[in-house]
Full PDB file with SEQRES, HELIX, SHEET, SSBOND, CRYST1, ORIGX, SCALE, CONECT and MASTER records, all heavy atoms in Angstrom:
SEQRES   1 A   38  ASN GLN VAL ASP ARG GLU ASN ALA VAL PHE MET PHE ASN          
SEQRES   2 A   38  SER SER GLY ASP PRO THR LEU MET ARG GLU GLY SER ASP          
SEQRES   3 A   38  GLU SER ALA VAL TYR VAL VAL MET PRO MET ARG VAL              
SHEET    1 AA1 3 ALA A   8  MET A  11  0                                        
SHEET    2 AA1 3 THR A  19  GLU A  23 -1                                        
SHEET    3 AA1 3 ASP A  26  VAL A  33 -1                                        
CRYST1    1.000    1.000    1.000  90.00  90.00  90.00 P 1           1          
ORIGX1      1.000000  0.000000  0.000000        0.00000                         
ORIGX2      0.000000  1.000000  0.000000        0.00000                         
ORIGX3      0.000000  0.000000  1.000000        0.00000                         
SCALE1      1.000000  0.000000  0.000000        0.00000                         
SCALE2      0.000000  1.000000  0.000000        0.00000                         
SCALE3      0.000000  0.000000  1.000000        0.00000                         
ATOM      1  N   ASN A   1     107.071  80.658 105.154  1.00  0.00           N  
ATOM      2  CA  ASN A   1     108.070  79.964 104.293  1.00  0.00           C  
ATOM      3  C   ASN A   1     108.800  80.969 103.311  1.00  0.00           C  
ATOM      4  O   ASN A   1     109.808  80.525 102.749  1.00  0.00           O  
ATOM      5  CB  ASN A   1     107.346  78.878 103.439  1.00  0.00           C  
ATOM      6  CG  ASN A   1     106.992  77.669 104.259  1.00  0.00           C  
ATOM      7  OD1 ASN A   1     107.647  77.371 105.274  1.00  0.00           O  
ATOM      8  ND2 ASN A   1     105.961  76.935 103.852  1.00  0.00           N  
ATOM      9  N   GLN A   2     108.427  82.189 103.327  1.00  0.00           N  
ATOM     10  CA  GLN A   2     109.154  83.219 102.541  1.00  0.00           C  
ATOM     11  C   GLN A   2     110.318  83.726 103.252  1.00  0.00           C  
ATOM     12  O   GLN A   2     111.164  84.362 102.675  1.00  0.00           O  
ATOM     13  CB  GLN A   2     108.184  84.354 102.169  1.00  0.00           C  
ATOM     14  CG  GLN A   2     106.924  83.975 101.428  1.00  0.00           C  
ATOM     15  CD  GLN A   2     107.225  83.139 100.196  1.00  0.00           C  
ATOM     16  OE1 GLN A   2     108.129  83.440  99.458  1.00  0.00           O  
ATOM     17  NE2 GLN A   2     106.452  82.126 100.026  1.00  0.00           N  
ATOM     18  N   VAL A   3     110.432  83.491 104.512  1.00  0.00           N  
ATOM     19  CA  VAL A   3     111.473  84.145 105.309  1.00  0.00           C  
ATOM     20  C   VAL A   3     112.786  83.467 105.124  1.00  0.00           C  
ATOM     21  O   VAL A   3     112.974  82.208 105.314  1.00  0.00           O  
ATOM     22  CB  VAL A   3     111.091  84.093 106.834  1.00  0.00           C  
ATOM     23  CG1 VAL A   3     112.185  84.744 107.697  1.00  0.00           C  
ATOM     24  CG2 VAL A   3     109.759  84.790 107.096  1.00  0.00           C  
ATOM     25  N   ASP A   4     113.807  84.221 104.609  1.00  0.00           N  
ATOM     26  CA  ASP A   4     115.093  83.663 104.374  1.00  0.00           C  
ATOM     27  C   ASP A   4     115.951  83.814 105.625  1.00  0.00           C  
ATOM     28  O   ASP A   4     116.939  83.139 105.876  1.00  0.00           O  
ATOM     29  CB  ASP A   4     115.855  84.382 103.208  1.00  0.00           C  
ATOM     30  CG  ASP A   4     115.078  84.112 101.891  1.00  0.00           C  
ATOM     31  OD1 ASP A   4     114.512  83.046 101.753  1.00  0.00           O  
ATOM     32  OD2 ASP A   4     115.092  85.035 101.058  1.00  0.00           O  
ATOM     33  N   ARG A   5     115.695  84.785 106.447  1.00  0.00           N  
ATOM     34  CA  ARG A   5     116.474  85.093 107.633  1.00  0.00           C  
ATOM     35  C   ARG A   5     115.994  84.148 108.759  1.00  0.00           C  
ATOM     36  O   ARG A   5     115.002  83.461 108.605  1.00  0.00           O  
ATOM     37  CB  ARG A   5     116.408  86.514 108.035  1.00  0.00           C  
ATOM     38  CG  ARG A   5     116.872  87.417 106.918  1.00  0.00           C  
ATOM     39  CD  ARG A   5     116.602  88.903 107.260  1.00  0.00           C  
ATOM     40  NE  ARG A   5     117.113  89.673 106.089  1.00  0.00           N  
ATOM     41  CZ  ARG A   5     117.870  90.741 106.228  1.00  0.00           C  
ATOM     42  NH1 ARG A   5     118.149  91.156 107.459  1.00  0.00           N  
ATOM     43  NH2 ARG A   5     118.275  91.463 105.192  1.00  0.00           N  
ATOM     44  N   GLU A   6     116.627  84.242 109.846  1.00  0.00           N  
ATOM     45  CA  GLU A   6     116.270  83.353 110.981  1.00  0.00           C  
ATOM     46  C   GLU A   6     114.960  83.748 111.556  1.00  0.00           C  
ATOM     47  O   GLU A   6     114.117  82.872 111.826  1.00  0.00           O  
ATOM     48  CB  GLU A   6     117.420  83.420 112.025  1.00  0.00           C  
ATOM     49  CG  GLU A   6     117.314  82.242 112.975  1.00  0.00           C  
ATOM     50  CD  GLU A   6     118.515  82.227 113.969  1.00  0.00           C  
ATOM     51  OE1 GLU A   6     119.638  82.670 113.597  1.00  0.00           O  
ATOM     52  OE2 GLU A   6     118.279  81.822 115.097  1.00  0.00           O  
ATOM     53  N   ASN A   7     114.691  85.096 111.793  1.00  0.00           N  
ATOM     54  CA  ASN A   7     113.506  85.445 112.479  1.00  0.00           C  
ATOM     55  C   ASN A   7     112.512  86.125 111.666  1.00  0.00           C  
ATOM     56  O   ASN A   7     112.756  86.896 110.705  1.00  0.00           O  
ATOM     57  CB  ASN A   7     113.937  86.390 113.665  1.00  0.00           C  
ATOM     58  CG  ASN A   7     114.579  85.665 114.794  1.00  0.00           C  
ATOM     59  OD1 ASN A   7     114.704  84.422 114.774  1.00  0.00           O  
ATOM     60  ND2 ASN A   7     115.075  86.429 115.739  1.00  0.00           N  
ATOM     61  N   ALA A   8     111.239  85.868 112.019  1.00  0.00           N  
ATOM     62  CA  ALA A   8     110.098  86.559 111.370  1.00  0.00           C  
ATOM     63  C   ALA A   8     109.571  87.547 112.420  1.00  0.00           C  
ATOM     64  O   ALA A   8     109.440  87.197 113.599  1.00  0.00           O  
ATOM     65  CB  ALA A   8     109.025  85.543 111.007  1.00  0.00           C  
ATOM     66  N   VAL A   9     109.217  88.729 111.978  1.00  0.00           N  
ATOM     67  CA  VAL A   9     108.622  89.780 112.866  1.00  0.00           C  
ATOM     68  C   VAL A   9     107.159  89.994 112.467  1.00  0.00           C  
ATOM     69  O   VAL A   9     106.953  90.332 111.290  1.00  0.00           O  
ATOM     70  CB  VAL A   9     109.435  91.089 112.895  1.00  0.00           C  
ATOM     71  CG1 VAL A   9     108.716  92.153 113.602  1.00  0.00           C  
ATOM     72  CG2 VAL A   9     110.882  90.883 113.390  1.00  0.00           C  
ATOM     73  N   PHE A  10     106.239  89.757 113.306  1.00  0.00           N  
ATOM     74  CA  PHE A  10     104.851  90.023 113.101  1.00  0.00           C  
ATOM     75  C   PHE A  10     104.464  91.311 113.835  1.00  0.00           C  
ATOM     76  O   PHE A  10     104.830  91.420 115.068  1.00  0.00           O  
ATOM     77  CB  PHE A  10     103.928  88.803 113.609  1.00  0.00           C  
ATOM     78  CG  PHE A  10     104.064  87.619 112.819  1.00  0.00           C  
ATOM     79  CD1 PHE A  10     105.086  86.663 113.056  1.00  0.00           C  
ATOM     80  CD2 PHE A  10     103.171  87.356 111.752  1.00  0.00           C  
ATOM     81  CE1 PHE A  10     105.220  85.500 112.301  1.00  0.00           C  
ATOM     82  CE2 PHE A  10     103.321  86.139 110.980  1.00  0.00           C  
ATOM     83  CZ  PHE A  10     104.327  85.305 111.242  1.00  0.00           C  
ATOM     84  N   MET A  11     103.648  92.111 113.144  1.00  0.00           N  
ATOM     85  CA  MET A  11     103.137  93.346 113.849  1.00  0.00           C  
ATOM     86  C   MET A  11     101.598  93.271 113.895  1.00  0.00           C  
ATOM     87  O   MET A  11     100.976  93.157 112.770  1.00  0.00           O  
ATOM     88  CB  MET A  11     103.491  94.608 113.044  1.00  0.00           C  
ATOM     89  CG  MET A  11     105.090  94.803 112.999  1.00  0.00           C  
ATOM     90  SD  MET A  11     105.978  94.992 114.550  1.00  0.00           S  
ATOM     91  CE  MET A  11     105.427  96.613 114.988  1.00  0.00           C  
ATOM     92  N   PHE A  12     100.976  93.229 115.079  1.00  0.00           N  
ATOM     93  CA  PHE A  12      99.599  93.086 115.226  1.00  0.00           C  
ATOM     94  C   PHE A  12      99.048  94.426 115.675  1.00  0.00           C  
ATOM     95  O   PHE A  12      99.678  95.262 116.275  1.00  0.00           O  
ATOM     96  CB  PHE A  12      99.269  92.068 116.287  1.00  0.00           C  
ATOM     97  CG  PHE A  12      99.825  90.698 115.987  1.00  0.00           C  
ATOM     98  CD1 PHE A  12     101.007  90.223 116.528  1.00  0.00           C  
ATOM     99  CD2 PHE A  12      99.145  89.785 115.148  1.00  0.00           C  
ATOM    100  CE1 PHE A  12     101.498  88.972 116.203  1.00  0.00           C  
ATOM    101  CE2 PHE A  12      99.603  88.521 114.856  1.00  0.00           C  
ATOM    102  CZ  PHE A  12     100.805  88.133 115.424  1.00  0.00           C  
ATOM    103  N   ASN A  13      97.698  94.569 115.478  1.00  0.00           N  
ATOM    104  CA  ASN A  13      96.969  95.669 116.054  1.00  0.00           C  
ATOM    105  C   ASN A  13      95.887  95.102 116.940  1.00  0.00           C  
ATOM    106  O   ASN A  13      95.937  95.192 118.182  1.00  0.00           O  
ATOM    107  CB  ASN A  13      96.383  96.581 114.950  1.00  0.00           C  
ATOM    108  CG  ASN A  13      95.740  97.816 115.544  1.00  0.00           C  
ATOM    109  OD1 ASN A  13      96.191  98.333 116.592  1.00  0.00           O  
ATOM    110  ND2 ASN A  13      94.654  98.311 114.908  1.00  0.00           N  
ATOM    111  N   SER A  14      94.837  94.466 116.341  1.00  0.00           N  
ATOM    112  CA  SER A  14      93.825  93.739 117.152  1.00  0.00           C  
ATOM    113  C   SER A  14      93.393  92.503 116.368  1.00  0.00           C  
ATOM    114  O   SER A  14      93.927  92.232 115.245  1.00  0.00           O  
ATOM    115  CB  SER A  14      92.612  94.734 117.240  1.00  0.00           C  
ATOM    116  OG  SER A  14      91.893  94.701 116.076  1.00  0.00           O  
ATOM    117  N   SER A  15      92.541  91.770 116.996  1.00  0.00           N  
ATOM    118  CA  SER A  15      92.195  90.441 116.428  1.00  0.00           C  
ATOM    119  C   SER A  15      91.370  90.566 115.164  1.00  0.00           C  
ATOM    120  O   SER A  15      91.183  89.645 114.408  1.00  0.00           O  
ATOM    121  CB  SER A  15      91.433  89.660 117.438  1.00  0.00           C  
ATOM    122  OG  SER A  15      90.205  90.324 117.831  1.00  0.00           O  
ATOM    123  N   GLY A  16      90.910  91.731 114.841  1.00  0.00           N  
ATOM    124  CA  GLY A  16      90.117  91.967 113.591  1.00  0.00           C  
ATOM    125  C   GLY A  16      90.888  92.723 112.482  1.00  0.00           C  
ATOM    126  O   GLY A  16      90.354  92.965 111.370  1.00  0.00           O  
ATOM    127  N   ASP A  17      92.092  93.141 112.786  1.00  0.00           N  
ATOM    128  CA  ASP A  17      92.869  93.959 111.798  1.00  0.00           C  
ATOM    129  C   ASP A  17      93.926  93.150 111.082  1.00  0.00           C  
ATOM    130  O   ASP A  17      94.399  92.163 111.609  1.00  0.00           O  
ATOM    131  CB  ASP A  17      93.512  95.129 112.557  1.00  0.00           C  
ATOM    132  CG  ASP A  17      92.531  96.081 113.018  1.00  0.00           C  
ATOM    133  OD1 ASP A  17      91.607  96.475 112.283  1.00  0.00           O  
ATOM    134  OD2 ASP A  17      92.634  96.615 114.183  1.00  0.00           O  
ATOM    135  N   PRO A  18      94.267  93.555 109.891  1.00  0.00           N  
ATOM    136  CA  PRO A  18      95.351  92.902 109.059  1.00  0.00           C  
ATOM    137  C   PRO A  18      96.624  92.893 109.888  1.00  0.00           C  
ATOM    138  O   PRO A  18      96.956  93.785 110.590  1.00  0.00           O  
ATOM    139  CB  PRO A  18      95.402  93.692 107.832  1.00  0.00           C  
ATOM    140  CG  PRO A  18      94.415  94.710 107.799  1.00  0.00           C  
ATOM    141  CD  PRO A  18      93.728  94.724 109.122  1.00  0.00           C  
ATOM    142  N   THR A  19      97.379  91.758 109.702  1.00  0.00           N  
ATOM    143  CA  THR A  19      98.691  91.619 110.399  1.00  0.00           C  
ATOM    144  C   THR A  19      99.774  91.800 109.410  1.00  0.00           C  
ATOM    145  O   THR A  19      99.676  91.294 108.275  1.00  0.00           O  
ATOM    146  CB  THR A  19      98.717  90.269 111.087  1.00  0.00           C  
ATOM    147  OG1 THR A  19      97.840  90.276 112.143  1.00  0.00           O  
ATOM    148  CG2 THR A  19     100.134  89.951 111.671  1.00  0.00           C  
ATOM    149  N   LEU A  20     100.860  92.422 109.849  1.00  0.00           N  
ATOM    150  CA  LEU A  20     101.978  92.659 108.947  1.00  0.00           C  
ATOM    151  C   LEU A  20     103.149  91.705 109.302  1.00  0.00           C  
ATOM    152  O   LEU A  20     103.322  91.500 110.527  1.00  0.00           O  
ATOM    153  CB  LEU A  20     102.407  94.088 109.086  1.00  0.00           C  
ATOM    154  CG  LEU A  20     103.459  94.552 108.112  1.00  0.00           C  
ATOM    155  CD1 LEU A  20     102.940  95.704 107.275  1.00  0.00           C  
ATOM    156  CD2 LEU A  20     104.711  95.117 108.852  1.00  0.00           C  
ATOM    157  N   MET A  21     103.870  91.168 108.353  1.00  0.00           N  
ATOM    158  CA  MET A  21     104.987  90.359 108.656  1.00  0.00           C  
ATOM    159  C   MET A  21     106.222  90.727 107.815  1.00  0.00           C  
ATOM    160  O   MET A  21     105.986  91.093 106.599  1.00  0.00           O  
ATOM    161  CB  MET A  21     104.688  88.886 108.421  1.00  0.00           C  
ATOM    162  CG  MET A  21     105.680  87.945 109.057  1.00  0.00           C  
ATOM    163  SD  MET A  21     107.182  87.650 108.067  1.00  0.00           S  
ATOM    164  CE  MET A  21     106.675  86.437 106.964  1.00  0.00           C  
ATOM    165  N   ARG A  22     107.341  90.781 108.424  1.00  0.00           N  
ATOM    166  CA  ARG A  22     108.570  91.091 107.588  1.00  0.00           C  
ATOM    167  C   ARG A  22     109.705  90.137 108.125  1.00  0.00           C  
ATOM    168  O   ARG A  22     109.575  89.500 109.201  1.00  0.00           O  
ATOM    169  CB  ARG A  22     108.967  92.555 107.668  1.00  0.00           C  
ATOM    170  CG  ARG A  22     109.268  93.089 109.014  1.00  0.00           C  
ATOM    171  CD  ARG A  22     109.798  94.493 108.951  1.00  0.00           C  
ATOM    172  NE  ARG A  22     110.289  94.857 110.232  1.00  0.00           N  
ATOM    173  CZ  ARG A  22     109.670  95.607 111.151  1.00  0.00           C  
ATOM    174  NH1 ARG A  22     108.427  96.053 110.844  1.00  0.00           N  
ATOM    175  NH2 ARG A  22     110.177  95.899 112.329  1.00  0.00           N  
ATOM    176  N   GLU A  23     110.787  90.175 107.431  1.00  0.00           N  
ATOM    177  CA  GLU A  23     111.964  89.317 107.778  1.00  0.00           C  
ATOM    178  C   GLU A  23     112.965  90.106 108.645  1.00  0.00           C  
ATOM    179  O   GLU A  23     113.606  90.997 108.109  1.00  0.00           O  
ATOM    180  CB  GLU A  23     112.684  88.829 106.504  1.00  0.00           C  
ATOM    181  CG  GLU A  23     111.709  88.127 105.562  1.00  0.00           C  
ATOM    182  CD  GLU A  23     112.482  87.622 104.306  1.00  0.00           C  
ATOM    183  OE1 GLU A  23     113.620  87.286 104.381  1.00  0.00           O  
ATOM    184  OE2 GLU A  23     111.777  87.656 103.261  1.00  0.00           O  
ATOM    185  N   GLY A  24     112.943  89.866 109.959  1.00  0.00           N  
ATOM    186  CA  GLY A  24     113.777  90.585 110.842  1.00  0.00           C  
ATOM    187  C   GLY A  24     113.640  92.115 110.676  1.00  0.00           C  
ATOM    188  O   GLY A  24     112.538  92.589 110.688  1.00  0.00           O  
ATOM    189  N   SER A  25     114.739  92.811 110.485  1.00  0.00           N  
ATOM    190  CA  SER A  25     114.642  94.259 110.291  1.00  0.00           C  
ATOM    191  C   SER A  25     114.553  94.674 108.784  1.00  0.00           C  
ATOM    192  O   SER A  25     114.518  95.866 108.464  1.00  0.00           O  
ATOM    193  CB  SER A  25     115.878  94.928 110.955  1.00  0.00           C  
ATOM    194  OG  SER A  25     117.090  94.377 110.301  1.00  0.00           O  
ATOM    195  N   ASP A  26     114.581  93.654 107.918  1.00  0.00           N  
ATOM    196  CA  ASP A  26     114.504  93.928 106.454  1.00  0.00           C  
ATOM    197  C   ASP A  26     113.100  94.429 106.074  1.00  0.00           C  
ATOM    198  O   ASP A  26     112.103  93.717 106.220  1.00  0.00           O  
ATOM    199  CB  ASP A  26     114.888  92.707 105.742  1.00  0.00           C  
ATOM    200  CG  ASP A  26     114.970  92.857 104.201  1.00  0.00           C  
ATOM    201  OD1 ASP A  26     114.775  94.013 103.811  1.00  0.00           O  
ATOM    202  OD2 ASP A  26     115.104  91.867 103.521  1.00  0.00           O  
ATOM    203  N   GLU A  27     112.992  95.674 105.574  1.00  0.00           N  
ATOM    204  CA  GLU A  27     111.733  96.116 105.095  1.00  0.00           C  
ATOM    205  C   GLU A  27     111.542  96.120 103.563  1.00  0.00           C  
ATOM    206  O   GLU A  27     110.546  96.578 103.079  1.00  0.00           O  
ATOM    207  CB  GLU A  27     111.562  97.617 105.634  1.00  0.00           C  
ATOM    208  CG  GLU A  27     111.623  97.664 107.155  1.00  0.00           C  
ATOM    209  CD  GLU A  27     110.924  98.900 107.768  1.00  0.00           C  
ATOM    210  OE1 GLU A  27     110.255  99.551 107.016  1.00  0.00           O  
ATOM    211  OE2 GLU A  27     110.884  98.927 108.953  1.00  0.00           O  
ATOM    212  N   SER A  28     112.453  95.393 102.908  1.00  0.00           N  
ATOM    213  CA  SER A  28     112.303  95.327 101.462  1.00  0.00           C  
ATOM    214  C   SER A  28     111.323  94.236 101.088  1.00  0.00           C  
ATOM    215  O   SER A  28     110.903  94.100  99.923  1.00  0.00           O  
ATOM    216  CB  SER A  28     113.637  95.051 100.772  1.00  0.00           C  
ATOM    217  OG  SER A  28     114.120  93.730 101.105  1.00  0.00           O  
ATOM    218  N   ALA A  29     110.937  93.327 102.097  1.00  0.00           N  
ATOM    219  CA  ALA A  29     109.898  92.295 101.847  1.00  0.00           C  
ATOM    220  C   ALA A  29     108.858  92.441 102.917  1.00  0.00           C  
ATOM    221  O   ALA A  29     109.218  92.275 104.126  1.00  0.00           O  
ATOM    222  CB  ALA A  29     110.549  90.982 101.826  1.00  0.00           C  
ATOM    223  N   VAL A  30     107.647  92.748 102.543  1.00  0.00           N  
ATOM    224  CA  VAL A  30     106.602  93.000 103.513  1.00  0.00           C  
ATOM    225  C   VAL A  30     105.410  92.119 103.085  1.00  0.00           C  
ATOM    226  O   VAL A  30     105.078  92.017 101.945  1.00  0.00           O  
ATOM    227  CB  VAL A  30     106.185  94.460 103.621  1.00  0.00           C  
ATOM    228  CG1 VAL A  30     104.920  94.613 104.404  1.00  0.00           C  
ATOM    229  CG2 VAL A  30     107.328  95.284 104.231  1.00  0.00           C  
ATOM    230  N   TYR A  31     104.818  91.409 104.135  1.00  0.00           N  
ATOM    231  CA  TYR A  31     103.633  90.541 103.843  1.00  0.00           C  
ATOM    232  C   TYR A  31     102.459  90.974 104.763  1.00  0.00           C  
ATOM    233  O   TYR A  31     102.707  91.351 105.927  1.00  0.00           O  
ATOM    234  CB  TYR A  31     103.988  89.102 104.102  1.00  0.00           C  
ATOM    235  CG  TYR A  31     105.260  88.645 103.391  1.00  0.00           C  
ATOM    236  CD1 TYR A  31     106.468  88.752 104.044  1.00  0.00           C  
ATOM    237  CD2 TYR A  31     105.194  88.214 102.079  1.00  0.00           C  
ATOM    238  CE1 TYR A  31     107.643  88.374 103.304  1.00  0.00           C  
ATOM    239  CE2 TYR A  31     106.296  87.818 101.424  1.00  0.00           C  
ATOM    240  CZ  TYR A  31     107.511  87.898 102.001  1.00  0.00           C  
ATOM    241  OH  TYR A  31     108.652  87.516 101.343  1.00  0.00           O  
ATOM    242  N   VAL A  32     101.215  90.966 104.272  1.00  0.00           N  
ATOM    243  CA  VAL A  32     100.101  91.194 105.000  1.00  0.00           C  
ATOM    244  C   VAL A  32      99.143  90.017 104.953  1.00  0.00           C  
ATOM    245  O   VAL A  32      98.979  89.431 103.873  1.00  0.00           O  
ATOM    246  CB  VAL A  32      99.362  92.434 104.433  1.00  0.00           C  
ATOM    247  CG1 VAL A  32      98.117  92.813 105.293  1.00  0.00           C  
ATOM    248  CG2 VAL A  32     100.346  93.646 104.494  1.00  0.00           C  
ATOM    249  N   VAL A  33      98.626  89.665 106.072  1.00  0.00           N  
ATOM    250  CA  VAL A  33      97.558  88.588 106.069  1.00  0.00           C  
ATOM    251  C   VAL A  33      96.379  89.006 106.877  1.00  0.00           C  
ATOM    252  O   VAL A  33      96.500  89.605 107.932  1.00  0.00           O  
ATOM    253  CB  VAL A  33      98.252  87.262 106.639  1.00  0.00           C  
ATOM    254  CG1 VAL A  33      98.688  87.337 107.960  1.00  0.00           C  
ATOM    255  CG2 VAL A  33      97.197  86.017 106.522  1.00  0.00           C  
ATOM    256  N   MET A  34      95.232  88.667 106.365  1.00  0.00           N  
ATOM    257  CA  MET A  34      93.967  89.026 106.975  1.00  0.00           C  
ATOM    258  C   MET A  34      93.638  87.963 108.037  1.00  0.00           C  
ATOM    259  O   MET A  34      93.769  86.824 107.769  1.00  0.00           O  
ATOM    260  CB  MET A  34      92.752  89.105 105.995  1.00  0.00           C  
ATOM    261  CG  MET A  34      92.946  90.223 104.913  1.00  0.00           C  
ATOM    262  SD  MET A  34      93.072  91.846 105.636  1.00  0.00           S  
ATOM    263  CE  MET A  34      91.369  92.091 106.133  1.00  0.00           C  
ATOM    264  N   PRO A  35      93.149  88.310 109.215  1.00  0.00           N  
ATOM    265  CA  PRO A  35      92.774  87.394 110.240  1.00  0.00           C  
ATOM    266  C   PRO A  35      91.432  86.748 109.869  1.00  0.00           C  
ATOM    267  O   PRO A  35      90.695  87.197 109.065  1.00  0.00           O  
ATOM    268  CB  PRO A  35      92.686  88.185 111.548  1.00  0.00           C  
ATOM    269  CG  PRO A  35      92.326  89.595 111.090  1.00  0.00           C  
ATOM    270  CD  PRO A  35      92.906  89.744 109.649  1.00  0.00           C  
ATOM    271  N   MET A  36      91.100  85.643 110.600  1.00  0.00           N  
ATOM    272  CA  MET A  36      89.735  85.065 110.463  1.00  0.00           C  
ATOM    273  C   MET A  36      89.251  84.748 111.846  1.00  0.00           C  
ATOM    274  O   MET A  36      89.940  84.548 112.866  1.00  0.00           O  
ATOM    275  CB  MET A  36      89.818  83.871 109.598  1.00  0.00           C  
ATOM    276  CG  MET A  36      90.641  82.664 110.093  1.00  0.00           C  
ATOM    277  SD  MET A  36      90.771  81.344 108.805  1.00  0.00           S  
ATOM    278  CE  MET A  36      89.153  80.679 108.811  1.00  0.00           C  
ATOM    279  N   ARG A  37      87.938  84.604 111.961  1.00  0.00           N  
ATOM    280  CA  ARG A  37      87.293  84.265 113.288  1.00  0.00           C  
ATOM    281  C   ARG A  37      87.530  82.834 113.640  1.00  0.00           C  
ATOM    282  O   ARG A  37      87.348  81.964 112.777  1.00  0.00           O  
ATOM    283  CB  ARG A  37      85.806  84.570 113.218  1.00  0.00           C  
ATOM    284  CG  ARG A  37      85.381  85.880 113.642  1.00  0.00           C  
ATOM    285  CD  ARG A  37      83.920  85.954 114.034  1.00  0.00           C  
ATOM    286  NE  ARG A  37      83.454  87.300 113.899  1.00  0.00           N  
ATOM    287  CZ  ARG A  37      82.919  87.793 112.715  1.00  0.00           C  
ATOM    288  NH1 ARG A  37      82.815  86.979 111.677  1.00  0.00           N  
ATOM    289  NH2 ARG A  37      82.489  89.100 112.646  1.00  0.00           N  
ATOM    290  N   VAL A  38      88.007  82.581 114.849  1.00  0.00           N  
ATOM    291  CA  VAL A  38      88.127  81.187 115.298  1.00  0.00           C  
ATOM    292  C   VAL A  38      87.277  80.924 116.609  1.00  0.00           C  
ATOM    293  O   VAL A  38      87.144  81.892 117.358  1.00  0.00           O  
ATOM    294  CB  VAL A  38      89.632  80.847 115.577  1.00  0.00           C  
ATOM    295  CG1 VAL A  38      90.267  80.658 114.233  1.00  0.00           C  
ATOM    296  CG2 VAL A  38      90.311  81.870 116.376  1.00  0.00           C  
TER     297      VAL A  38                                                      
MASTER        0    0    0    0    3    0    0    6  296    1    0    3          
END                                                                             
C-alpha cells in the first residue's frame, strides 16, 4: 500500500532470507520484510 507508482519490484534471495521491495526503479523508498514459515 506504500507504492505510489504502478509497479512494485520485489527482490528475493531464498525462502528464509529477508525480501526487499521498492517502487519500480525508484530507490529513494526501500522496504524490507522478513519471511515466515508456512
